[in-house]
């Protein structure tokens, strides 16, 4: 019998929820059911698929209170949960609007006058999604929605740390006949995810580099595509000409939104020497104004640390920095309050790349600030990382910032702002270095990843092709 998994509440520290992982046999049967449903789902056409997804949205609007409560229990935060739900609905509407045009077949002439080309694409039958705990709803559906619109069936394994949100999703889903046959969620931990990869035709994974490597190896052995969105250690560069007030406000949000629990968080900040003191003093003053959402959800902006394991990592990074000479200006510790783990926004100076807080993913509300003397030095420091997910550059003009941004090894760079890919999903981007693998989940490519291109090469006349054998001559070697 599969062993139940107890789930911890991040606000109270109590294990107040239980999930039971599916056995490999039941998981395989579920995947077979989804594959059967996919045939009819594809035949439904794009208009029918859009209608089914919009019906799901309407059903979820009726379950919004239950969904909000579940997300709060999963993550311990209120305002970001409300933003996450709104982002989910926005993502669903955006893809429903874009999909009809992006999925159109095309026909055209070719370089050979009597051969026409008809281009189409067919969906992968079953897509697997393994999603993380920091944005449970958004990151479990950010790949699932375009895959469904492309005509795939989808099975999602959310994190075992934040599974409560699945119940209201399924309640709404079960009222939509077509959709419930091609979309399902499976609960479990790492072994369930490993079993899932063995059952699908394409896998999307969001999580750590370590686990991403294992996913990639298994996918390669099974000869299926893997799209990996992994860790980040996003830098911000603040040039001498930057608007300090704007930069500190943007970087503060980009660093501590969702308590810093985002792969798109700004995790290291490089500031021109001439404005360094003014910058970090302003950053500290603004960080002091943010409060913990404790004891009530509405009390402040900073929620608890969702993962107990992550709380230990944040504490380790802070202790390592302090031991090596870093100076803490605010925050600076992980504290336990009523069973939950909390960390106030933390600004650190006197840091360098010998410290974990400057080189390893912290995933907390930590803002290490380091001066640079030349732009070349700033670029070198920003690129001195195994990660290359995103970044930010601040300068007096967008042109000057773009000049610096062009030298950074990162897939998405916010100019005079921070974390914009969390808000705007139109820009196609790839993850650089160890931050990921595969096509962009943003922009048009986000849906095209789930299609296999197919070409029909059509002969348009009855004449013999000039490259055929000349059958009128005697046989001879060619």
Protein backbone atom coordinates (compact mmCIF):
# COMPACT_ATOMS: atom_id res chain seq x y z
CA UNK A 1 0.00 0.00 0.00
CA UNK A 2 1.25 3.49 -0.83
CA UNK A 3 2.29 5.40 2.30
CA UNK A 4 0.27 8.59 3.00
CA UNK A 5 2.13 11.92 3.00
CA UNK A 6 1.36 14.44 5.75
CA UNK A 7 1.32 18.07 4.61
CA UNK A 8 2.55 20.92 6.81
CA UNK A 9 0.70 24.23 7.17
CA UNK A 10 3.33 26.98 6.71
CA UNK A 11 1.61 29.39 9.13
CA UNK A 12 1.12 27.00 12.02
CA UNK A 13 3.75 24.31 11.44
CA UNK A 14 1.05 21.69 11.99
CA UNK A 15 0.58 18.72 9.68
CA UNK A 16 -3.10 19.20 8.96
CA UNK A 17 -3.61 17.62 5.52
CA UNK A 18 -2.88 14.20 4.03
CA UNK A 19 -2.40 13.02 0.47
CA UNK A 20 -2.11 9.43 -0.73
CA UNK A 21 0.19 8.92 -3.73
CA UNK A 22 -1.10 6.78 -6.55
CA UNK A 23 0.50 3.41 -7.16
CA UNK A 24 2.40 3.03 -10.44
CA UNK A 25 -0.35 0.73 -11.71
CA UNK A 26 -3.16 3.21 -11.00
CA UNK A 27 -1.11 6.05 -12.47
CA UNK A 28 -0.56 4.06 -15.64
CA UNK A 29 -4.29 3.33 -15.90
CA UNK A 30 -5.09 7.01 -15.42
CA UNK A 31 -2.69 7.94 -18.22
CA UNK A 32 -4.29 5.38 -20.53
CA UNK A 33 -7.68 6.93 -19.82
CA UNK A 34 -6.37 10.39 -20.68
CA UNK A 35 -4.86 9.11 -23.92
CA UNK A 36 -8.23 7.73 -24.99
CA UNK A 37 -9.89 11.04 -24.19
CA UNK A 38 -7.27 12.96 -26.16
CA UNK A 39 -8.47 11.56 -29.49
CA UNK A 40 -11.92 13.09 -29.11
CA UNK A 41 -10.42 16.25 -27.56
CA UNK A 42 -8.28 16.83 -30.65
CA UNK A 43 -11.25 16.16 -32.94
CA UNK A 44 -13.25 18.74 -30.98
CA UNK A 45 -11.24 21.47 -32.70
CA UNK A 46 -9.87 24.68 -31.30
CA UNK A 47 -13.28 26.35 -30.87
CA UNK A 48 -14.59 23.41 -28.88
CA UNK A 49 -11.49 23.31 -26.70
CA UNK A 50 -11.75 27.04 -25.98
CA UNK A 51 -15.40 26.63 -25.03
CA UNK A 52 -14.55 23.82 -22.58
CA UNK A 53 -11.77 25.84 -20.94
CA UNK A 54 -14.01 28.88 -20.62
CA UNK A 55 -16.67 26.70 -19.01
CA UNK A 56 -14.02 25.56 -16.52
CA UNK A 57 -13.17 29.18 -15.80
CA UNK A 58 -16.81 29.97 -15.05
CA UNK A 59 -17.07 26.93 -12.79
CA UNK A 60 -13.89 28.01 -10.99
CA UNK A 61 -15.29 31.50 -10.44
CA UNK A 62 -18.04 29.81 -8.45
CA UNK A 63 -15.33 27.99 -6.46
CA UNK A 64 -13.16 31.10 -6.03
CA UNK A 65 -13.62 31.34 -2.25
CA UNK A 66 -12.69 27.70 -1.80
CA UNK A 67 -9.71 28.07 -4.14
CA UNK A 68 -8.49 31.15 -2.25
CA UNK A 69 -8.80 29.38 1.10
CA UNK A 70 -6.91 26.35 -0.22
CA UNK A 71 -4.08 28.50 -1.61
CA UNK A 72 -3.83 30.40 1.68
CA UNK A 73 -3.53 27.11 3.56
CA UNK A 74 -0.93 25.91 1.06
CA UNK A 75 1.25 29.03 1.13
CA UNK A 76 0.30 31.04 4.21
CA UNK A 77 -0.13 34.29 2.27
CA UNK A 78 -3.16 36.31 1.15
CA UNK A 79 -2.36 39.12 -1.29
CA UNK A 80 -0.05 37.01 -3.45
CA UNK A 81 -2.65 34.22 -3.52
CA UNK A 82 -5.25 36.67 -4.84
CA UNK A 83 -2.76 37.87 -7.46
CA UNK A 84 -1.97 34.26 -8.37
CA UNK A 85 -5.63 33.44 -8.97
CA UNK A 86 -6.09 36.56 -11.11
CA UNK A 87 -2.94 35.65 -13.09
CA UNK A 88 -4.30 32.15 -13.69
CA UNK A 89 -7.57 33.50 -15.13
CA UNK A 90 -5.64 36.04 -17.20
CA UNK A 91 -3.36 33.31 -18.58
CA UNK A 92 -6.35 31.16 -19.52
CA UNK A 93 -8.06 34.06 -21.33
CA UNK A 94 -4.87 35.13 -23.09
CA UNK A 95 -4.20 31.68 -24.53
CA UNK A 96 -7.85 31.26 -25.56
CA UNK A 97 -7.52 34.53 -27.48
CA UNK A 98 -4.18 33.69 -29.13
CA UNK A 99 -4.57 29.98 -29.88
CA UNK A 100 -6.85 30.11 -32.96
CA UNK A 101 -4.37 32.18 -34.95
CA UNK A 102 -1.27 30.34 -33.70
CA UNK A 103 -2.71 26.91 -34.53
CA UNK A 104 -3.73 27.66 -38.12
CA UNK A 105 -2.44 25.41 -40.89
CA UNK A 106 -0.55 27.11 -43.71
CA UNK A 107 -0.14 26.38 -47.40
CA UNK A 108 2.38 27.87 -49.81
CA UNK A 109 4.32 27.32 -53.00
CA UNK A 110 7.84 25.94 -52.89
CA UNK A 111 11.05 26.34 -54.85
CA UNK A 112 9.87 23.48 -57.08
CA UNK A 113 7.03 24.86 -59.26
CA UNK A 114 4.95 21.68 -59.33
CA UNK A 115 5.30 20.80 -55.60
CA UNK A 116 3.06 22.57 -53.10
CA UNK A 117 3.59 22.57 -49.34
CA UNK A 118 0.87 22.25 -46.75
CA UNK A 119 2.13 22.73 -43.19
CA UNK A 120 0.26 21.42 -40.17
CA UNK A 121 1.04 20.19 -36.69
CA UNK A 122 -0.26 17.46 -34.44
CA UNK A 123 -0.29 17.47 -30.63
CA UNK A 124 1.67 15.17 -28.40
CA UNK A 125 -1.01 12.82 -27.04
CA UNK A 126 -0.18 13.14 -23.32
CA UNK A 127 1.78 15.93 -21.62
CA UNK A 128 3.07 15.56 -18.07
CA UNK A 129 3.58 18.60 -15.83
CA UNK A 130 5.57 18.50 -12.60
CA UNK A 131 5.14 21.79 -10.75
CA UNK A 132 6.72 23.39 -7.63
CA UNK A 133 5.39 24.76 -4.35
CA UNK A 134 6.08 28.51 -4.59
CA UNK A 135 3.16 29.38 -6.94
CA UNK A 136 1.10 26.17 -6.78
CA UNK A 137 -1.82 27.17 -8.99
CA UNK A 138 -0.04 29.31 -11.56
CA UNK A 139 2.91 26.99 -12.16
CA UNK A 140 0.76 23.86 -12.36
CA UNK A 141 -1.32 25.42 -15.13
CA UNK A 142 1.09 27.71 -17.00
CA UNK A 143 2.09 24.80 -19.26
CA UNK A 144 -1.14 22.82 -18.96
CA UNK A 145 -3.39 25.48 -20.52
CA UNK A 146 -1.50 25.94 -23.82
CA UNK A 147 -0.98 22.18 -24.04
CA UNK A 148 -4.73 21.58 -23.73
CA UNK A 149 -5.50 24.20 -26.36
CA UNK A 150 -2.95 22.56 -28.67
CA UNK A 151 -5.01 19.37 -28.41
CA UNK A 152 -3.00 17.40 -25.85
CA UNK A 153 -4.25 15.58 -22.80
CA UNK A 154 -2.48 16.74 -19.62
CA UNK A 155 -1.66 15.19 -16.26
CA UNK A 156 -0.22 17.41 -13.52
CA UNK A 157 1.74 16.40 -10.44
CA UNK A 158 1.84 19.40 -8.09
CA UNK A 159 4.27 19.64 -5.19
CA UNK A 160 3.48 17.48 -2.18
CA UNK A 161 4.13 20.59 -0.04
CA UNK A 162 1.19 22.53 -1.51
CA UNK A 163 -1.52 20.13 -2.77
CA UNK A 164 -4.68 21.61 -1.20
CA UNK A 165 -5.54 23.82 -4.19
CA UNK A 166 -6.18 20.73 -6.35
CA UNK A 167 -9.52 19.88 -4.68
CA UNK A 168 -11.42 23.03 -5.82
CA UNK A 169 -9.85 22.73 -9.27
CA UNK A 170 -11.14 19.16 -9.57
CA UNK A 171 -14.58 20.08 -8.21
CA UNK A 172 -14.97 22.58 -11.03
CA UNK A 173 -13.28 20.33 -13.58
CA UNK A 174 -15.66 17.44 -12.95
CA UNK A 175 -18.56 19.58 -14.17
CA UNK A 176 -17.02 19.95 -17.66
CA UNK A 177 -17.55 16.67 -19.59
CA UNK A 178 -15.01 17.14 -22.38
CA UNK A 179 -12.26 18.62 -20.21
CA UNK A 180 -12.40 16.10 -17.38
CA UNK A 181 -11.52 13.36 -19.86
CA UNK A 182 -8.18 15.01 -20.77
CA UNK A 183 -7.03 16.87 -17.66
CA UNK A 184 -6.14 15.31 -14.35
CA UNK A 185 -4.02 15.91 -11.25
CA UNK A 186 -2.06 13.26 -9.42
CA UNK A 187 -0.79 13.70 -5.87
CA UNK A 188 2.52 12.44 -4.61
CA UNK A 189 6.18 13.20 -3.99
CA UNK A 190 9.32 12.67 -6.05
CA UNK A 191 8.72 9.01 -6.83
CA UNK A 192 5.28 9.79 -8.26
CA UNK A 193 6.91 12.38 -10.50
CA UNK A 194 9.50 9.84 -11.64
CA UNK A 195 6.72 7.34 -12.40
CA UNK A 196 4.82 10.00 -14.33
CA UNK A 197 7.71 10.61 -16.74
CA UNK A 198 7.54 6.94 -17.73
CA UNK A 199 3.90 7.34 -18.81
CA UNK A 200 3.85 10.54 -20.91
CA UNK A 201 4.96 11.75 -24.34
CA UNK A 202 6.41 15.09 -23.21
CA UNK A 203 7.35 16.42 -19.78
CA UNK A 204 7.38 19.97 -18.38
CA UNK A 205 9.24 20.39 -15.12
CA UNK A 206 9.71 23.43 -12.88
CA UNK A 207 12.02 23.01 -9.91
CA UNK A 208 15.60 22.58 -8.78
CA UNK A 209 18.63 21.98 -10.99
CA UNK A 210 19.36 18.73 -9.17
CA UNK A 211 15.94 17.23 -9.86
CA UNK A 212 15.85 18.79 -13.34
CA UNK A 213 18.96 16.83 -14.27
CA UNK A 214 17.24 13.59 -13.29
CA UNK A 215 14.13 14.54 -15.26
CA UNK A 216 16.24 15.32 -18.33
CA UNK A 217 18.09 11.99 -18.15
CA UNK A 218 14.87 9.97 -17.81
CA UNK A 219 13.23 11.90 -20.65
CA UNK A 220 16.26 11.32 -22.89
CA UNK A 221 16.21 7.60 -22.11
CA UNK A 222 12.53 7.53 -23.06
CA UNK A 223 13.16 9.65 -26.16
CA UNK A 224 10.61 12.29 -25.18
CA UNK A 225 11.02 16.10 -25.08
CA UNK A 226 11.71 17.75 -21.73
CA UNK A 227 11.09 21.43 -21.03
CA UNK A 228 12.86 22.45 -17.85
CA UNK A 229 12.50 25.71 -15.89
CA UNK A 230 15.07 25.49 -13.11
CA UNK A 231 16.78 27.71 -10.58
CA UNK A 232 17.90 31.31 -10.74
CA UNK A 233 20.23 33.75 -9.03
CA UNK A 234 19.00 36.85 -10.79
CA UNK A 235 21.25 39.93 -10.71
CA UNK A 236 20.30 43.59 -10.82
CA UNK A 237 22.77 46.20 -12.08
CA UNK A 238 22.21 49.81 -11.01
CA UNK A 239 24.28 52.26 -13.03
CA UNK A 240 25.44 55.64 -11.78
CA UNK A 241 22.81 57.47 -13.81
CA UNK A 242 19.89 55.42 -12.49
CA UNK A 243 16.91 56.90 -10.66
CA UNK A 244 17.68 55.61 -7.15
CA UNK A 245 14.12 56.00 -5.86
CA UNK A 246 12.72 54.02 -8.79
CA UNK A 247 15.46 51.39 -8.61
CA UNK A 248 15.10 50.74 -4.88
CA UNK A 249 11.30 50.41 -5.13
CA UNK A 250 11.49 48.04 -8.11
CA UNK A 251 14.29 45.92 -6.65
CA UNK A 252 12.57 45.70 -3.27
CA UNK A 253 9.44 44.29 -4.92
CA UNK A 254 11.47 42.04 -7.24
CA UNK A 255 13.44 40.66 -4.30
CA UNK A 256 10.80 40.06 -1.64
CA UNK A 257 7.46 39.52 -3.40
CA UNK A 258 6.12 36.13 -2.26
CA UNK A 259 8.80 36.32 0.48
CA UNK A 260 11.44 35.96 -2.23
CA UNK A 261 10.15 32.49 -3.08
CA UNK A 262 10.38 32.86 -6.84
CA UNK A 263 12.91 31.78 -9.44
CA UNK A 264 12.50 35.30 -10.87
CA UNK A 265 13.53 37.02 -7.63
CA UNK A 266 16.39 39.52 -7.65
CA UNK A 267 18.95 37.73 -5.46
CA UNK A 268 22.08 39.89 -5.89
CA UNK A 269 22.39 43.61 -6.50
CA UNK A 270 25.38 45.41 -8.03
CA UNK A 271 25.45 49.20 -7.60
CA UNK A 272 27.84 51.85 -8.95
CA UNK A 273 30.25 52.98 -6.22
CA UNK A 274 29.27 56.66 -6.52
CA UNK A 275 25.64 55.96 -5.53
CA UNK A 276 26.19 52.84 -3.41
CA UNK A 277 25.61 54.42 0.02
CA UNK A 278 22.52 56.38 -1.09
CA UNK A 279 21.12 53.27 -2.75
CA UNK A 280 21.37 50.85 0.16
CA UNK A 281 20.22 53.46 2.69
CA UNK A 282 17.06 54.01 0.65
CA UNK A 283 16.61 50.27 0.21
CA UNK A 284 16.91 49.71 3.97
CA UNK A 285 14.41 52.51 4.71
CA UNK A 286 11.85 51.01 2.32
CA UNK A 287 12.47 47.44 3.52
CA UNK A 288 11.78 48.54 7.12
CA UNK A 289 8.26 49.59 6.09
CA UNK A 290 7.27 46.07 5.02
CA UNK A 291 5.69 44.00 7.76
CA UNK A 292 5.10 40.30 8.35
CA UNK A 293 1.60 39.04 7.57
CA UNK A 294 1.41 37.95 11.20
CA UNK A 295 -0.45 37.19 13.35
CA UNK A 296 -3.26 37.94 10.89
CA UNK A 297 -3.07 37.48 7.12
CA UNK A 298 -3.88 41.15 6.58
CA UNK A 299 -1.18 42.48 8.92
CA UNK A 300 1.59 42.85 6.35
CA UNK A 301 3.10 42.01 2.99
CA UNK A 302 5.61 39.28 3.91
CA UNK A 303 4.18 35.79 4.26
CA UNK A 304 5.81 32.76 5.87
CA UNK A 305 8.48 30.58 4.31
CA UNK A 306 6.47 27.78 2.74
CA UNK A 307 9.08 25.02 2.83
CA UNK A 308 10.72 24.09 6.11
CA UNK A 309 13.74 22.86 4.14
CA UNK A 310 14.02 26.28 2.45
CA UNK A 311 13.96 28.01 5.84
CA UNK A 312 17.09 26.03 6.77
CA UNK A 313 18.80 27.05 3.51
CA UNK A 314 18.05 30.75 4.09
CA UNK A 315 19.40 30.51 7.63
CA UNK A 316 22.55 28.77 6.39
CA UNK A 317 23.16 31.46 3.74
CA UNK A 318 22.78 34.24 6.31
CA UNK A 319 25.09 32.57 8.81
CA UNK A 320 27.69 31.92 6.11
CA UNK A 321 27.62 35.58 5.03
CA UNK A 322 27.91 36.90 8.58
CA UNK A 323 30.80 34.53 9.34
CA UNK A 324 32.66 35.90 6.30
CA UNK A 325 32.22 39.55 7.26
CA UNK A 326 28.87 40.63 5.79
CA UNK A 327 26.95 43.42 7.52
CA UNK A 328 23.20 43.08 8.15
CA UNK A 329 21.24 46.36 7.97
CA UNK A 330 17.73 45.03 8.57
CA UNK A 331 16.11 41.65 9.05
CA UNK A 332 18.85 39.06 9.07
CA UNK A 333 17.34 36.04 10.75
CA UNK A 334 14.84 33.25 10.29
CA UNK A 335 12.44 33.21 13.22
CA UNK A 336 9.73 30.82 14.36
CA UNK A 337 6.36 32.36 15.17
CA UNK A 338 3.49 30.11 16.26
CA UNK A 339 5.06 27.17 14.43
CA UNK A 340 5.67 28.96 11.12
CA UNK A 341 9.03 30.13 9.75
CA UNK A 342 9.40 33.81 8.90
CA UNK A 343 12.11 36.12 7.58
CA UNK A 344 11.86 39.90 7.37
CA UNK A 345 13.27 41.72 4.31
CA UNK A 346 17.04 41.65 4.76
CA UNK A 347 19.58 44.05 3.27
CA UNK A 348 23.24 42.97 3.45
CA UNK A 349 26.43 44.78 2.46
CA UNK A 350 30.13 43.87 2.60
CA UNK A 351 29.35 40.82 0.48
CA UNK A 352 31.40 39.06 -2.20
CA UNK A 353 31.30 35.94 -4.34
CA UNK A 354 32.92 33.76 -1.70
CA UNK A 355 29.53 33.78 0.06
CA UNK A 356 26.63 31.43 -0.62
CA UNK A 357 24.23 34.36 -0.56
CA UNK A 358 25.90 35.66 -3.75
CA UNK A 359 26.32 32.38 -5.61
CA UNK A 360 23.67 29.84 -4.54
CA UNK A 361 19.90 30.16 -4.87
CA UNK A 362 18.59 31.53 -1.56
CA UNK A 363 14.87 31.71 -2.39
CA UNK A 364 14.11 34.16 0.40
CA UNK A 365 13.65 37.93 1.02
CA UNK A 366 17.41 38.55 1.08
CA UNK A 367 19.02 41.52 -0.72
CA UNK A 368 22.82 41.43 -0.81
CA UNK A 369 24.21 44.69 -2.24
CA UNK A 370 27.74 44.95 -3.68
CA UNK A 371 29.47 48.01 -5.26
CA UNK A 372 31.23 48.04 -8.63
CA UNK A 373 33.69 50.52 -10.08
CA UNK A 374 33.22 49.97 -13.82
CA UNK A 375 30.44 48.70 -16.05
CA UNK A 376 32.74 45.90 -17.21
CA UNK A 377 33.12 44.76 -13.61
CA UNK A 378 29.36 44.84 -13.10
CA UNK A 379 28.78 42.68 -16.17
CA UNK A 380 31.48 40.22 -15.09
CA UNK A 381 29.95 39.93 -11.62
CA UNK A 382 26.44 39.47 -13.00
CA UNK A 383 27.64 36.74 -15.39
CA UNK A 384 29.67 34.99 -12.68
CA UNK A 385 26.97 32.39 -12.03
CA UNK A 386 25.84 28.96 -13.13
CA UNK A 387 22.38 30.47 -13.59
CA UNK A 388 20.96 32.61 -16.38
CA UNK A 389 17.21 32.92 -15.94
CA UNK A 390 16.58 36.65 -15.79
CA UNK A 391 18.10 39.96 -14.67
CA UNK A 392 17.47 43.70 -14.36
CA UNK A 393 19.37 46.82 -15.41
CA UNK A 394 18.72 50.38 -14.24
CA UNK A 395 20.06 53.50 -15.97
CA UNK A 396 19.02 57.03 -16.91
CA UNK A 397 17.93 55.90 -20.37
CA UNK A 398 16.59 52.66 -21.76
CA UNK A 399 19.27 52.79 -24.48
CA UNK A 400 22.10 52.83 -21.93
CA UNK A 401 20.50 50.03 -19.92
CA UNK A 402 19.97 47.95 -23.07
CA UNK A 403 23.65 48.33 -23.96
CA UNK A 404 24.55 46.68 -20.65
CA UNK A 405 21.72 44.15 -20.86
CA UNK A 406 23.00 42.89 -24.22
CA UNK A 407 26.13 41.64 -22.45
CA UNK A 408 24.29 39.62 -19.79
CA UNK A 409 23.85 35.84 -19.98
CA UNK A 410 20.17 35.73 -19.10
CA UNK A 411 16.98 34.94 -20.96
CA UNK A 412 14.81 37.85 -19.82
CA UNK A 413 16.09 41.24 -18.69
CA UNK A 414 13.87 43.92 -17.19
CA UNK A 415 14.92 47.47 -18.08
CA UNK A 416 14.37 50.05 -15.32
CA UNK A 417 12.12 47.55 -13.57
CA UNK A 418 12.38 44.11 -11.99
CA UNK A 419 10.66 40.74 -12.37
CA UNK A 420 8.58 41.79 -15.35
CA UNK A 421 8.29 38.27 -16.76
CA UNK A 422 6.19 37.45 -13.71
CA UNK A 423 3.67 40.03 -14.92
CA UNK A 424 3.99 40.02 -18.73
CA UNK A 425 4.09 36.70 -20.57
CA UNK A 426 4.30 37.88 -24.17
CA UNK A 427 8.09 37.93 -24.50
CA UNK A 428 9.66 34.70 -25.70
CA UNK A 429 12.75 33.73 -23.73
CA UNK A 430 15.04 30.81 -23.09
CA UNK A 431 16.73 29.97 -19.83
CA UNK A 432 20.51 30.28 -20.10
CA UNK A 433 23.11 28.00 -18.48
CA UNK A 434 21.71 25.74 -15.72
CA UNK A 435 18.48 27.70 -15.39
CA UNK A 436 16.65 25.51 -17.85
CA UNK A 437 16.35 23.63 -21.09
CA UNK A 438 14.00 23.73 -24.06
CA UNK A 439 11.74 26.21 -25.82
CA UNK A 440 10.15 29.32 -24.34
CA UNK A 441 7.03 28.88 -22.23
CA UNK A 442 6.26 32.54 -23.00
CA UNK A 443 4.98 34.04 -26.26
CA UNK A 444 3.87 32.04 -29.30
CA UNK A 445 6.44 29.30 -28.68
CA UNK A 446 4.64 28.52 -25.43
CA UNK A 447 1.93 26.66 -27.33
CA UNK A 448 4.02 25.44 -30.27
CA UNK A 449 6.17 23.33 -27.91
CA UNK A 450 3.28 20.90 -27.65
CA UNK A 451 2.98 20.29 -31.39
CA UNK A 452 4.94 18.06 -33.78
CA UNK A 453 5.29 19.74 -37.14
CA UNK A 454 4.01 17.84 -40.13
CA UNK A 455 4.51 18.68 -43.81
CA UNK A 456 2.44 17.50 -46.78
CA UNK A 457 4.44 17.81 -50.00
CA UNK A 458 1.90 17.72 -52.82
CA UNK A 459 2.69 17.05 -56.49
CA UNK A 460 0.44 19.33 -58.53
CA UNK A 461 0.86 17.99 -62.09
CA UNK A 462 0.92 14.65 -63.91
CA UNK A 463 4.32 15.08 -65.54
CA UNK A 464 7.32 12.95 -64.71
CA UNK A 465 9.74 14.56 -62.29
CA UNK A 466 13.08 15.45 -63.89
CA UNK A 467 14.96 13.51 -61.23
CA UNK A 468 13.14 10.22 -61.84
CA UNK A 469 14.82 7.37 -63.69
CA UNK A 470 14.64 7.67 -67.49
CA UNK A 471 12.65 4.53 -68.20
CA UNK A 472 13.01 4.86 -71.97
CA UNK A 473 16.71 4.05 -71.91
CA UNK A 474 18.32 0.72 -71.24
CA UNK A 475 19.23 -0.02 -67.65
CA UNK A 476 22.65 1.16 -66.62
CA UNK A 477 24.43 2.10 -63.45
CA UNK A 478 23.97 5.67 -62.35
